Amino acid sequence: MAKNEVQSLSEKDAWNWLQKEHSKVSQHLEPFTVACQKRQDQGEYWWELRSCDYYQYFEQSKIIFPDICKGPWFFLDRSGMYLANTGYILGVDDPYLLGILNSRVFWFAISHISIPFGVRAGEYRYRLIYQYMEKVPIKELQVGKELDQSKGIKLRDLVEQMLVLSEKQALANVPHEQTRLQRQIEATDREIDRLVYDLYELTDEEIAIVEGTAVASLEEVCENDGHERANPTQFGIGDDQAASVANPAQHAGESGCGPSAGAQGTSGPVHGIREPAPHSGSPGSASGDSPRSS
């Protein structure tokens, strides 16, 4: 029976259907009937969770990223993957944005915006929640500016190349082939970084800062309250050229469970979920500690 057919039933008939089709579930739930009927957070019937307004964004292409990580770890999912917790999605298929988010420039920016969240394997971790992500300046390509458009196309091509290489590496089962592909991935990654530096018009001195700056001190980790650090917009891009990565994200557990507004720099909405997000090259892993990959 289709979901919409079930929801057109009376509560008694729907419960009979549940008992018939999912007897163990109904047996488990039945002792809690009275308590569940008093819940505010329920769906069409007392045994259901409230409906989610953005299931369609799970089923379409999207950028997935974890809540906490120690490097740029953004993954473009085109398979309709569903997530359960500890992550967020950007409801867009945008290789250009993915390239920027997985770049050194992005990680330099977020590490000067977000709060250091402890150390793992000698590296600081950062939270990628809305209040920090919205402050990251995303370079908008100027319409009618041929050089800008050319750089944007090249970045998209490099990211698509990286996605193909990462997929091949995940399937490779011969060590020397894995090594060869890893070298190609690293070379492509460096090329993406160079192109992003160019997009943001960084000087050699600024690039050296991005590549060599310690992202946080122990003292900063201990001073999470009132955390303020350098403004990353000082590097080659001002408010008139930048778009925010995200508008407010919404967790699946928050009231209403509706989609948030479209992201200013991405043409799509941002939604909160709660599952470790894989990076673009390896959707099977979910620790939040993988090396960055575009």
Protein backbone atom coordinates (compact mmCIF):
# COMPACT_ATOMS: atom_id res chain seq x y z
CA MET A 1 0.00 0.00 0.00
CA ALA A 2 1.37 3.41 -0.94
CA LYS A 3 2.18 5.92 1.80
CA ASN A 4 -0.49 8.37 0.63
CA GLU A 5 -3.08 5.57 0.69
CA VAL A 6 -2.15 4.70 4.27
CA GLN A 7 -2.41 8.33 5.37
CA SER A 8 -5.93 8.55 3.92
CA LEU A 9 -7.10 5.85 6.35
CA SER A 10 -8.68 6.44 9.71
CA GLU A 11 -6.36 5.96 12.68
CA LYS A 12 -8.03 2.62 13.52
CA ASP A 13 -7.63 1.29 9.96
CA ALA A 14 -4.06 2.59 9.74
CA TRP A 15 -3.20 0.83 13.01
CA ASN A 16 -4.69 -2.41 11.70
CA TRP A 17 -2.53 -2.01 8.57
CA LEU A 18 0.57 -1.46 10.73
CA GLN A 19 -0.20 -4.53 12.82
CA LYS A 20 -0.57 -6.63 9.68
CA GLU A 21 2.43 -5.31 7.76
CA HIS A 22 4.82 -4.59 10.65
CA SER A 23 3.63 -6.66 13.56
CA LYS A 24 6.82 -6.49 15.59
CA VAL A 25 6.90 -2.70 15.34
CA SER A 26 3.26 -2.39 16.43
CA GLN A 27 3.85 -4.81 19.33
CA HIS A 28 6.76 -2.70 20.51
CA LEU A 29 4.83 0.57 20.23
CA GLU A 30 1.51 -0.53 21.72
CA PRO A 31 2.55 -0.24 25.43
CA PHE A 32 3.48 3.41 24.79
CA THR A 33 0.18 4.37 23.13
CA VAL A 34 -1.03 6.86 25.72
CA ALA A 35 2.36 8.58 26.09
CA CYS A 36 2.84 8.79 22.33
CA GLN A 37 -0.62 10.22 21.78
CA LYS A 38 0.36 13.15 24.01
CA ARG A 39 3.43 13.98 21.92
CA GLN A 40 3.46 17.28 20.07
CA ASP A 41 6.17 15.98 17.75
CA GLN A 42 4.17 13.44 15.72
CA GLY A 43 3.05 12.82 12.19
CA GLU A 44 -0.29 11.82 10.70
CA TYR A 45 -0.75 9.18 13.41
CA TRP A 46 0.56 9.01 16.97
CA TRP A 47 3.16 6.33 16.15
CA GLU A 48 4.75 8.37 13.37
CA LEU A 49 7.45 11.00 13.45
CA ARG A 50 6.45 14.30 11.89
CA SER A 51 6.88 14.42 8.13
CA CYS A 52 10.01 15.97 6.66
CA ASP A 53 9.64 18.73 4.09
CA TYR A 54 12.94 18.18 2.32
CA TYR A 55 13.15 14.49 1.46
CA GLN A 56 13.51 15.52 -2.17
CA TYR A 57 16.88 17.10 -1.45
CA PHE A 58 18.25 13.77 -0.25
CA GLU A 59 17.11 12.14 -3.46
CA GLN A 60 18.79 14.66 -5.77
CA SER A 61 22.43 15.68 -6.24
CA LYS A 62 23.86 17.48 -3.24
CA ILE A 63 27.05 18.43 -1.42
CA ILE A 64 27.44 16.59 1.90
CA PHE A 65 29.76 17.66 4.70
CA PRO A 66 30.31 16.70 8.35
CA ASP A 67 29.47 18.77 11.40
CA ILE A 68 33.05 18.57 12.71
CA CYS A 69 36.26 17.83 10.79
CA LYS A 70 39.95 18.70 10.65
CA GLY A 71 40.20 19.40 6.96
CA PRO A 72 37.97 20.33 3.99
CA TRP A 73 35.84 17.24 3.59
CA PHE A 74 33.02 17.92 1.14
CA PHE A 75 31.48 15.20 -0.99
CA LEU A 76 29.28 15.55 -4.07
CA ASP A 77 26.62 12.84 -3.93
CA ARG A 78 24.78 12.13 -7.17
CA SER A 79 23.29 8.81 -6.07
CA GLY A 80 20.41 10.00 -3.89
CA MET A 81 22.06 9.01 -0.62
CA TYR A 82 20.10 9.52 2.61
CA LEU A 83 21.87 10.59 5.78
CA ALA A 84 20.80 10.12 9.37
CA ASN A 85 22.95 12.38 11.54
CA THR A 86 26.04 14.51 12.20
CA GLY A 87 26.22 16.23 8.87
CA TYR A 88 24.72 18.83 6.53
CA ILE A 89 23.73 19.04 2.90
CA LEU A 90 23.82 21.80 0.31
CA GLY A 91 21.03 21.05 -2.16
CA VAL A 92 23.05 21.75 -5.30
CA ASP A 93 25.11 19.92 -7.91
CA ASP A 94 27.87 22.54 -8.18
CA PRO A 95 31.43 21.37 -8.93
CA TYR A 96 32.63 25.00 -8.84
CA LEU A 97 31.42 25.42 -5.26
CA LEU A 98 32.77 21.98 -4.34
CA GLY A 99 36.22 22.97 -5.60
CA ILE A 100 36.27 26.09 -3.44
CA LEU A 101 34.96 24.27 -0.36
CA ASN A 102 37.66 21.60 -0.66
CA SER A 103 40.45 24.15 -1.19
CA ARG A 104 43.12 25.45 1.16
CA VAL A 105 41.57 28.91 0.89
CA PHE A 106 38.29 27.67 2.34
CA TRP A 107 40.01 25.83 5.18
CA PHE A 108 42.13 28.88 6.01
CA ALA A 109 38.95 30.97 6.12
CA ILE A 110 36.90 28.57 8.24
CA SER A 111 39.79 28.02 10.66
CA HIS A 112 39.78 31.76 11.32
CA ILE A 113 35.99 31.86 11.74
CA SER A 114 34.95 28.65 13.47
CA ILE A 115 35.82 27.54 16.98
CA PRO A 116 38.67 25.03 17.42
CA PHE A 117 37.00 21.87 18.66
CA GLY A 118 39.81 19.87 20.22
CA VAL A 119 42.74 18.04 18.64
CA ARG A 120 42.76 14.69 16.87
CA ALA A 121 45.94 13.13 15.48
CA GLY A 122 47.77 16.43 16.05
CA GLU A 123 45.30 18.59 14.10
CA TYR A 124 42.58 20.93 15.25
CA ARG A 125 39.00 20.15 14.32
CA TYR A 126 36.40 22.76 13.46
CA ARG A 127 32.61 22.87 13.43
CA LEU A 128 31.00 23.62 10.07
CA ILE A 129 27.65 24.82 11.38
CA TYR A 130 25.66 27.63 9.81
CA GLN A 131 26.87 30.47 12.05
CA TYR A 132 30.41 29.89 10.74
CA MET A 133 29.72 28.70 7.20
CA GLU A 134 27.62 31.76 6.38
CA LYS A 135 30.66 33.97 6.95
CA VAL A 136 32.93 32.22 4.43
CA PRO A 137 33.23 34.41 1.31
CA ILE A 138 32.56 32.50 -1.90
CA LYS A 139 33.94 34.12 -5.04
CA GLU A 140 31.10 34.83 -7.45
CA LEU A 141 31.97 34.67 -11.12
CA GLN A 142 31.25 37.98 -12.82
CA VAL A 143 28.71 37.68 -15.63
CA GLY A 144 30.19 38.97 -18.87
CA LYS A 145 33.75 38.78 -17.56
CA GLU A 146 35.37 36.28 -19.92
CA LEU A 147 38.42 35.59 -17.76
CA ASP A 148 36.24 34.90 -14.72
CA GLN A 149 34.03 32.52 -16.67
CA SER A 150 37.06 30.76 -18.12
CA LYS A 151 38.49 30.17 -14.63
CA GLY A 152 35.12 28.91 -13.44
CA ILE A 153 34.89 26.41 -16.29
CA LYS A 154 38.43 25.19 -15.62
CA LEU A 155 37.69 24.73 -11.91
CA ARG A 156 34.56 22.73 -12.69
CA ASP A 157 36.52 20.54 -15.13
CA LEU A 158 39.25 19.88 -12.55
CA VAL A 159 36.71 18.94 -9.91
CA GLU A 160 34.93 16.56 -12.30
CA GLN A 161 38.33 15.06 -13.09
CA MET A 162 38.98 14.66 -9.36
CA LEU A 163 35.64 12.90 -8.90
CA VAL A 164 36.49 10.41 -11.65
CA LEU A 165 39.97 9.77 -10.22
CA SER A 166 38.59 9.26 -6.72
CA GLU A 167 36.00 6.81 -8.02
CA LYS A 168 38.71 4.86 -9.88
CA GLN A 169 40.90 4.78 -6.80
CA ALA A 170 38.05 3.46 -4.65
CA LEU A 171 37.59 0.59 -7.12
CA ALA A 172 41.30 -0.13 -7.68
CA ASN A 173 42.52 -3.31 -5.99
CA VAL A 174 46.13 -3.35 -7.20
CA PRO A 175 48.58 -1.42 -4.96
CA HIS A 176 50.59 0.18 -7.77
CA GLU A 177 47.36 1.34 -9.45
CA GLN A 178 46.15 2.87 -6.18
CA THR A 179 49.48 4.66 -5.81
CA ARG A 180 49.37 5.97 -9.38
CA LEU A 181 45.86 7.29 -8.92
CA GLN A 182 46.75 8.85 -5.57
CA ARG A 183 49.56 10.79 -7.25
CA GLN A 184 47.13 12.03 -9.91
CA ILE A 185 44.64 13.03 -7.21
CA GLU A 186 47.28 14.97 -5.29
CA ALA A 187 48.47 16.72 -8.46
CA THR A 188 44.88 17.66 -9.39
CA ASP A 189 44.27 18.85 -5.84
CA ARG A 190 47.28 21.17 -6.06
CA GLU A 191 46.07 22.48 -9.40
CA ILE A 192 42.66 23.24 -7.90
CA ASP A 193 44.32 25.11 -5.04
CA ARG A 194 46.36 27.19 -7.47
CA LEU A 195 43.27 28.06 -9.47
CA VAL A 196 41.35 29.07 -6.33
CA TYR A 197 44.28 31.29 -5.29
CA ASP A 198 44.00 32.90 -8.70
CA LEU A 199 40.23 33.34 -8.41
CA TYR A 200 40.67 35.13 -5.08
CA GLU A 201 43.61 37.10 -6.50
CA LEU A 202 45.97 36.17 -3.68
CA THR A 203 49.53 37.45 -3.73
CA ASP A 204 52.51 35.15 -3.18
CA GLU A 205 52.75 36.46 0.38
CA GLU A 206 49.08 35.70 1.04
CA ILE A 207 49.41 32.21 -0.45
CA ALA A 208 52.34 31.57 1.90
CA ILE A 209 50.12 32.59 4.83
CA VAL A 210 47.29 30.30 3.69
CA GLU A 211 49.65 27.35 3.23
CA GLY A 212 51.82 27.88 6.28
CA THR A 213 49.77 29.47 9.05
CA ALA A 214 49.07 27.46 12.17
CA VAL A 215 45.29 27.50 12.30
CA ALA A 216 44.94 27.70 16.08
CA SER A 217 46.90 27.81 19.31
CA LEU A 218 46.10 25.88 22.48
CA GLU A 219 45.12 29.18 24.07
CA GLU A 220 42.56 29.77 21.31
CA VAL A 221 41.12 26.30 21.80
CA CYS A 222 40.59 27.13 25.47
CA GLU A 223 38.96 30.45 24.63
CA ASN A 224 35.95 29.20 22.72
CA ASP A 225 33.63 31.83 24.16
CA GLY A 226 33.68 35.11 22.28
CA HIS A 227 35.91 33.61 19.61
CA GLU A 228 37.05 36.27 17.16
CA ARG A 229 39.92 36.04 14.71
CA ALA A 230 41.23 37.49 11.51
CA ASN A 231 38.72 38.34 8.81
CA PRO A 232 39.44 36.15 5.76
CA THR A 233 37.82 38.70 3.44
CA GLN A 234 41.03 40.70 3.67
CA PHE A 235 42.47 38.37 1.04
CA GLY A 236 41.49 39.59 -2.40
CA ILE A 237 37.71 39.54 -2.06
CA GLY A 238 35.29 42.01 -0.55
CA ASP A 239 31.62 41.94 0.32
CA ASP A 240 30.67 43.16 -3.15
CA GLN A 241 32.33 40.12 -4.76
CA ALA A 242 31.42 37.42 -2.28
CA ALA A 243 28.43 35.23 -1.58
CA SER A 244 27.75 33.31 1.59
CA VAL A 245 28.08 29.52 1.47
CA ALA A 246 24.85 28.95 3.37
CA ASN A 247 21.66 30.40 4.67
CA PRO A 248 20.38 28.95 7.96
CA ALA A 249 20.58 25.16 8.05
CA GLN A 250 17.89 23.17 9.82
CA HIS A 251 18.42 19.92 11.66
CA ALA A 252 16.05 17.08 11.03
CA GLY A 253 15.14 17.20 14.71
CA GLU A 254 14.11 20.87 14.73
CA SER A 255 10.53 22.10 14.79
CA GLY A 256 8.81 22.04 11.42
CA CYS A 257 11.54 20.10 9.62
CA GLY A 258 11.06 22.34 6.60
CA PRO A 259 13.67 23.35 4.05
CA SER A 260 15.67 26.46 4.69
CA ALA A 261 15.95 29.34 2.27
CA GLY A 262 18.24 29.07 -0.74
CA ALA A 263 21.93 29.64 -0.20
CA GLN A 264 23.05 32.97 -1.57
CA GLY A 265 26.09 31.59 -3.33
CA THR A 266 24.76 28.22 -4.35
CA SER A 267 21.27 28.59 -5.86
CA GLY A 268 19.93 25.92 -3.50
CA PRO A 269 18.93 25.30 0.11
CA VAL A 270 20.99 24.00 3.00
CA HIS A 271 19.64 21.38 5.35
CA GLY A 272 20.95 19.87 8.55
CA ILE A 273 21.09 16.13 8.96
CA ARG A 274 22.98 13.97 11.39
CA GLU A 275 25.26 11.39 9.82
CA PRO A 276 29.01 11.46 9.22
CA ALA A 277 29.53 12.71 5.68
CA PRO A 278 32.10 11.14 3.36
CA HIS A 279 34.43 13.26 1.25
CA SER A 280 34.01 13.41 -2.49
CA GLY A 281 36.28 10.51 -3.27
CA SER A 282 35.19 7.90 -0.75
CA PRO A 283 31.54 7.78 0.27
CA GLY A 284 32.12 4.57 2.19
CA SER A 285 34.17 6.22 4.94
CA ALA A 286 32.72 8.59 7.50
CA SER A 287 35.18 9.48 10.25
CA GLY A 288 35.56 13.16 9.43
CA ASP A 289 39.34 12.74 9.42
CA SER A 290 40.09 11.78 5.84
CA PRO A 291 42.57 13.81 3.80
CA ARG A 292 40.83 16.46 1.76
CA SER A 293 39.69 15.66 -1.74
CA SER A 294 37.66 17.74 -4.19
